[in-house]
Amino acid sequence: MKLNLTINDENLSLDTEPETSLLELLRQQKLISVKCGCAKANCGSCAVLLDGLAVLSCLIPCGIVRNAKIETLEHFSKQAAYQEIMKGFEKAGISLCGYCNPGKIFAAWEIISNFSNPSREQVAERISDLRECCVEKDALINGILYAAQIHFEKERLKKNGKQ
């Protein structure tokens, strides 16, 4: 099947089978931030943004992503939001191992995008399915809350014309 979609702001037309996972398709495109950790939606290492929502690409068949906009960590890491998240993680003492970065970073972004002042409980609920790997849950929660503070303080300053 011919699949038209946008990956990291590049419009592509690719030949693939409808049942091929989005993870496989992205790896074929040499996007190495998308990893196959468990292929069962347990680890988050295959996370991407699909039309702005954090999803696990191992679960998504290509047959349903026609005309979708996909963003991988390679692309997202060049944006200000990534820097805010990393500053929040650093403040919480988090040093990511590289394996599970997409799941943790995109979970943080999804929380920041959907909650103007996320609570500890909202963050804990959103990350409950992520494997701990290199980061304890409490540290990750703190890192996301710090990242949210950094993001919204920056937005507040921008709104008030101080940046």
C-alpha atoms as a PDB file:
ATOM      1  CA  MET A   1       0.000   0.000   0.000  1.00  0.00           C
ATOM      2  CA  LYS A   2       1.107   3.570  -0.652  1.00  0.00           C
ATOM      3  CA  LEU A   3       1.244   5.539   2.602  1.00  0.00           C
ATOM      4  CA  ASN A   4       1.342   9.328   2.605  1.00  0.00           C
ATOM      5  CA  LEU A   5       2.383  10.883   5.894  1.00  0.00           C
ATOM      6  CA  THR A   6       4.628  13.497   7.416  1.00  0.00           C
ATOM      7  CA  ILE A   7       7.612  12.386   9.485  1.00  0.00           C
ATOM      8  CA  ASN A   8       9.573  15.089  11.265  1.00  0.00           C
ATOM      9  CA  ASP A   9       8.122  17.789   8.976  1.00  0.00           C
ATOM     10  CA  GLU A  10       9.040  15.855   5.818  1.00  0.00           C
ATOM     11  CA  ASN A  11       6.165  14.805   3.542  1.00  0.00           C
ATOM     12  CA  LEU A  12       6.689  11.217   2.460  1.00  0.00           C
ATOM     13  CA  SER A  13       5.000   8.636   0.294  1.00  0.00           C
ATOM     14  CA  LEU A  14       6.125   5.161   1.341  1.00  0.00           C
ATOM     15  CA  ASP A  15       5.304   1.637   0.249  1.00  0.00           C
ATOM     16  CA  THR A  16       4.392  -0.587   3.178  1.00  0.00           C
ATOM     17  CA  GLU A  17       1.962  -3.262   4.273  1.00  0.00           C
ATOM     18  CA  PRO A  18      -1.050  -2.095   6.348  1.00  0.00           C
ATOM     19  CA  GLU A  19      -0.137  -4.422   9.227  1.00  0.00           C
ATOM     20  CA  THR A  20       3.478  -3.201   9.458  1.00  0.00           C
ATOM     21  CA  SER A  21       3.923  -1.417  12.765  1.00  0.00           C
ATOM     22  CA  LEU A  22       4.721   2.264  12.782  1.00  0.00           C
ATOM     23  CA  LEU A  23       7.806   1.297  14.812  1.00  0.00           C
ATOM     24  CA  GLU A  24       9.077  -0.890  11.953  1.00  0.00           C
ATOM     25  CA  LEU A  25       8.364   1.806   9.389  1.00  0.00           C
ATOM     26  CA  LEU A  26      10.227   4.459  11.397  1.00  0.00           C
ATOM     27  CA  ARG A  27      13.209   2.168  11.917  1.00  0.00           C
ATOM     28  CA  GLN A  28      13.276   1.532   8.149  1.00  0.00           C
ATOM     29  CA  GLN A  29      13.614   5.305   7.789  1.00  0.00           C
ATOM     30  CA  LYS A  30      16.767   5.136   9.971  1.00  0.00           C
ATOM     31  CA  LEU A  31      15.147   6.952  12.896  1.00  0.00           C
ATOM     32  CA  ILE A  32      17.127   5.502  15.764  1.00  0.00           C
ATOM     33  CA  SER A  33      15.409   7.248  18.688  1.00  0.00           C
ATOM     34  CA  VAL A  34      12.462   4.892  18.135  1.00  0.00           C
ATOM     35  CA  LYS A  35      13.521   1.621  19.715  1.00  0.00           C
ATOM     36  CA  CYS A  36      11.932  -1.795  19.978  1.00  0.00           C
ATOM     37  CA  GLY A  37      12.150  -2.521  23.667  1.00  0.00           C
ATOM     38  CA  CYS A  38       9.337  -4.919  24.386  1.00  0.00           C
ATOM     39  CA  ALA A  39       6.883  -4.643  21.448  1.00  0.00           C
ATOM     40  CA  LYS A  40       4.090  -4.953  24.044  1.00  0.00           C
ATOM     41  CA  ALA A  41       3.552  -1.308  25.093  1.00  0.00           C
ATOM     42  CA  ASN A  42       5.321  -1.742  28.419  1.00  0.00           C
ATOM     43  CA  CYS A  43       8.517   0.253  28.121  1.00  0.00           C
ATOM     44  CA  GLY A  44       7.900   3.467  26.167  1.00  0.00           C
ATOM     45  CA  SER A  45      11.087   3.222  24.141  1.00  0.00           C
ATOM     46  CA  CYS A  46       9.082   3.320  20.900  1.00  0.00           C
ATOM     47  CA  ALA A  47       7.084   6.452  21.781  1.00  0.00           C
ATOM     48  CA  VAL A  48       6.470   9.113  19.154  1.00  0.00           C
ATOM     49  CA  LEU A  49       4.077  12.006  18.734  1.00  0.00           C
ATOM     50  CA  LEU A  50       1.257  11.078  16.373  1.00  0.00           C
ATOM     51  CA  ASP A  51      -0.683  14.190  15.420  1.00  0.00           C
ATOM     52  CA  GLY A  52       0.621  15.727  18.649  1.00  0.00           C
ATOM     53  CA  LEU A  53      -0.307  12.850  20.951  1.00  0.00           C
ATOM     54  CA  ALA A  54       2.220  10.568  22.602  1.00  0.00           C
ATOM     55  CA  VAL A  55       1.687   7.006  21.358  1.00  0.00           C
ATOM     56  CA  LEU A  56       3.601   3.746  21.419  1.00  0.00           C
ATOM     57  CA  SER A  57       4.537   3.047  17.824  1.00  0.00           C
ATOM     58  CA  CYS A  58       4.866  -0.707  18.385  1.00  0.00           C
ATOM     59  CA  LEU A  59       1.066  -0.866  18.692  1.00  0.00           C
ATOM     60  CA  ILE A  60       0.138   1.291  15.704  1.00  0.00           C
ATOM     61  CA  PRO A  61      -0.360  -0.441  12.343  1.00  0.00           C
ATOM     62  CA  CYS A  62       0.622   1.663   9.335  1.00  0.00           C
ATOM     63  CA  GLY A  63      -2.820   1.125   7.840  1.00  0.00           C
ATOM     64  CA  ILE A  64      -4.266   3.723  10.235  1.00  0.00           C
ATOM     65  CA  VAL A  65      -1.664   6.481   9.963  1.00  0.00           C
ATOM     66  CA  ARG A  66      -2.471   7.781   6.485  1.00  0.00           C
ATOM     67  CA  ASN A  67      -1.891  11.528   6.258  1.00  0.00           C
ATOM     68  CA  ALA A  68      -0.741  11.612   9.878  1.00  0.00           C
ATOM     69  CA  LYS A  69       1.981  13.812  11.278  1.00  0.00           C
ATOM     70  CA  ILE A  70       4.651  11.815  13.114  1.00  0.00           C
ATOM     71  CA  GLU A  71       7.356  13.389  15.253  1.00  0.00           C
ATOM     72  CA  THR A  72      10.247  11.428  16.689  1.00  0.00           C
ATOM     73  CA  LEU A  73      12.682  12.406  19.402  1.00  0.00           C
ATOM     74  CA  GLU A  74      15.288  13.299  16.744  1.00  0.00           C
ATOM     75  CA  HIS A  75      13.065  16.177  15.632  1.00  0.00           C
ATOM     76  CA  PHE A  76      11.519  17.072  18.991  1.00  0.00           C
ATOM     77  CA  SER A  77      14.962  17.421  20.594  1.00  0.00           C
ATOM     78  CA  LYS A  78      15.593  20.533  18.485  1.00  0.00           C
ATOM     79  CA  GLN A  79      12.679  22.404  20.053  1.00  0.00           C
ATOM     80  CA  ALA A  80      12.493  24.669  23.099  1.00  0.00           C
ATOM     81  CA  ALA A  81      10.019  22.303  24.786  1.00  0.00           C
ATOM     82  CA  TYR A  82      12.658  19.566  24.815  1.00  0.00           C
ATOM     83  CA  GLN A  83      15.144  21.891  26.522  1.00  0.00           C
ATOM     84  CA  GLU A  84      12.536  22.788  29.160  1.00  0.00           C
ATOM     85  CA  ILE A  85      11.855  19.124  29.856  1.00  0.00           C
ATOM     86  CA  MET A  86      15.550  18.323  30.098  1.00  0.00           C
ATOM     87  CA  LYS A  87      16.074  21.243  32.511  1.00  0.00           C
ATOM     88  CA  GLY A  88      13.238  19.917  34.662  1.00  0.00           C
ATOM     89  CA  PHE A  89      14.718  16.426  34.602  1.00  0.00           C
ATOM     90  CA  GLU A  90      18.145  17.796  35.493  1.00  0.00           C
ATOM     91  CA  LYS A  91      16.678  19.722  38.428  1.00  0.00           C
ATOM     92  CA  ALA A  92      15.170  16.444  39.671  1.00  0.00           C
ATOM     93  CA  GLY A  93      18.529  14.687  39.348  1.00  0.00           C
ATOM     94  CA  ILE A  94      17.425  12.584  36.392  1.00  0.00           C
ATOM     95  CA  SER A  95      20.019  11.300  33.968  1.00  0.00           C
ATOM     96  CA  LEU A  96      18.294   9.286  31.254  1.00  0.00           C
ATOM     97  CA  CYS A  97      19.992   6.168  29.926  1.00  0.00           C
ATOM     98  CA  GLY A  98      19.000   6.700  26.289  1.00  0.00           C
ATOM     99  CA  TYR A  99      16.927   3.541  26.009  1.00  0.00           C
ATOM    100  CA  CYS A 100      13.620   4.783  27.388  1.00  0.00           C
ATOM    101  CA  ASN A 101      13.962   8.507  26.641  1.00  0.00           C
ATOM    102  CA  PRO A 102      11.072   8.791  24.148  1.00  0.00           C
ATOM    103  CA  GLY A 103       8.460   7.464  26.563  1.00  0.00           C
ATOM    104  CA  LYS A 104       9.512   9.687  29.433  1.00  0.00           C
ATOM    105  CA  ILE A 105      10.086  12.832  27.376  1.00  0.00           C
ATOM    106  CA  PHE A 106       6.882  12.516  25.349  1.00  0.00           C
ATOM    107  CA  ALA A 107       4.867  11.710  28.488  1.00  0.00           C
ATOM    108  CA  ALA A 108       6.252  14.927  29.998  1.00  0.00           C
ATOM    109  CA  TRP A 109       5.348  16.885  26.866  1.00  0.00           C
ATOM    110  CA  GLU A 110       1.830  15.455  26.767  1.00  0.00           C
ATOM    111  CA  ILE A 111       1.290  16.457  30.402  1.00  0.00           C
ATOM    112  CA  ILE A 112       2.657  19.958  29.843  1.00  0.00           C
ATOM    113  CA  SER A 113       0.502  20.300  26.713  1.00  0.00           C
ATOM    114  CA  ASN A 114      -2.705  19.236  28.435  1.00  0.00           C
ATOM    115  CA  PHE A 115      -2.494  20.668  31.934  1.00  0.00           C
ATOM    116  CA  SER A 116      -1.726  24.282  32.761  1.00  0.00           C
ATOM    117  CA  ASN A 117      -0.760  23.347  36.298  1.00  0.00           C
ATOM    118  CA  PRO A 118      -0.453  19.553  36.525  1.00  0.00           C
ATOM    119  CA  SER A 119      -0.887  17.952  39.917  1.00  0.00           C
ATOM    120  CA  ARG A 120       1.373  15.256  41.266  1.00  0.00           C
ATOM    121  CA  GLU A 121      -1.555  12.813  40.939  1.00  0.00           C
ATOM    122  CA  GLN A 122      -2.167  13.709  37.275  1.00  0.00           C
ATOM    123  CA  VAL A 123       1.492  13.157  36.482  1.00  0.00           C
ATOM    124  CA  ALA A 124       1.607   9.890  38.441  1.00  0.00           C
ATOM    125  CA  GLU A 125      -1.459   8.592  36.610  1.00  0.00           C
ATOM    126  CA  ARG A 126      -0.063   9.457  33.163  1.00  0.00           C
ATOM    127  CA  ILE A 127       3.293   7.754  33.774  1.00  0.00           C
ATOM    128  CA  SER A 128       1.923   4.732  35.648  1.00  0.00           C
ATOM    129  CA  ASP A 129       2.467   2.417  32.659  1.00  0.00           C
ATOM    130  CA  LEU A 130       6.057   3.454  31.970  1.00  0.00           C
ATOM    131  CA  ARG A 131       8.835   1.155  33.085  1.00  0.00           C
ATOM    132  CA  GLU A 132      11.164   2.706  35.590  1.00  0.00           C
ATOM    133  CA  CYS A 133      14.378   1.590  33.850  1.00  0.00           C
ATOM    134  CA  CYS A 134      16.897   4.242  34.855  1.00  0.00           C
ATOM    135  CA  VAL A 135      14.550   6.610  36.743  1.00  0.00           C
ATOM    136  CA  GLU A 136      12.455   6.110  39.876  1.00  0.00           C
ATOM    137  CA  LYS A 137       8.787   7.110  39.543  1.00  0.00           C
ATOM    138  CA  ASP A 138       9.057   9.844  42.210  1.00  0.00           C
ATOM    139  CA  ALA A 139      12.070  11.402  40.490  1.00  0.00           C
ATOM    140  CA  LEU A 140      10.265  11.308  37.132  1.00  0.00           C
ATOM    141  CA  ILE A 141       7.176  12.911  38.640  1.00  0.00           C
ATOM    142  CA  ASN A 142       9.348  15.643  40.144  1.00  0.00           C
ATOM    143  CA  GLY A 143      11.185  16.150  36.857  1.00  0.00           C
ATOM    144  CA  ILE A 144       7.924  16.555  34.947  1.00  0.00           C
ATOM    145  CA  LEU A 145       6.564  18.970  37.545  1.00  0.00           C
ATOM    146  CA  TYR A 146       9.776  21.017  37.366  1.00  0.00           C
ATOM    147  CA  ALA A 147       9.602  20.993  33.565  1.00  0.00           C
ATOM    148  CA  ALA A 148       5.993  22.220  33.736  1.00  0.00           C
ATOM    149  CA  GLN A 149       7.047  25.059  36.052  1.00  0.00           C
ATOM    150  CA  ILE A 150       9.849  26.048  33.680  1.00  0.00           C
ATOM    151  CA  HIS A 151       7.548  25.903  30.666  1.00  0.00           C
ATOM    152  CA  PHE A 152       4.720  27.915  32.191  1.00  0.00           C
ATOM    153  CA  GLU A 153       7.043  30.517  33.697  1.00  0.00           C
ATOM    154  CA  LYS A 154       8.560  31.013  30.242  1.00  0.00           C
ATOM    155  CA  GLU A 155       5.070  31.291  28.729  1.00  0.00           C
ATOM    156  CA  ARG A 156       4.032  33.789  31.410  1.00  0.00           C
ATOM    157  CA  LEU A 157       7.081  35.959  30.728  1.00  0.00           C
ATOM    158  CA  LYS A 158       6.466  35.787  26.984  1.00  0.00           C
ATOM    159  CA  LYS A 159       2.831  36.777  27.482  1.00  0.00           C
ATOM    160  CA  ASN A 160       3.850  39.739  29.625  1.00  0.00           C
ATOM    161  CA  GLY A 161       6.417  40.831  27.042  1.00  0.00           C
ATOM    162  CA  LYS A 162       9.434  40.193  29.256  1.00  0.00           C
ATOM    163  CA  GLN A 163      11.214  37.776  26.991  1.00  0.00           C
END
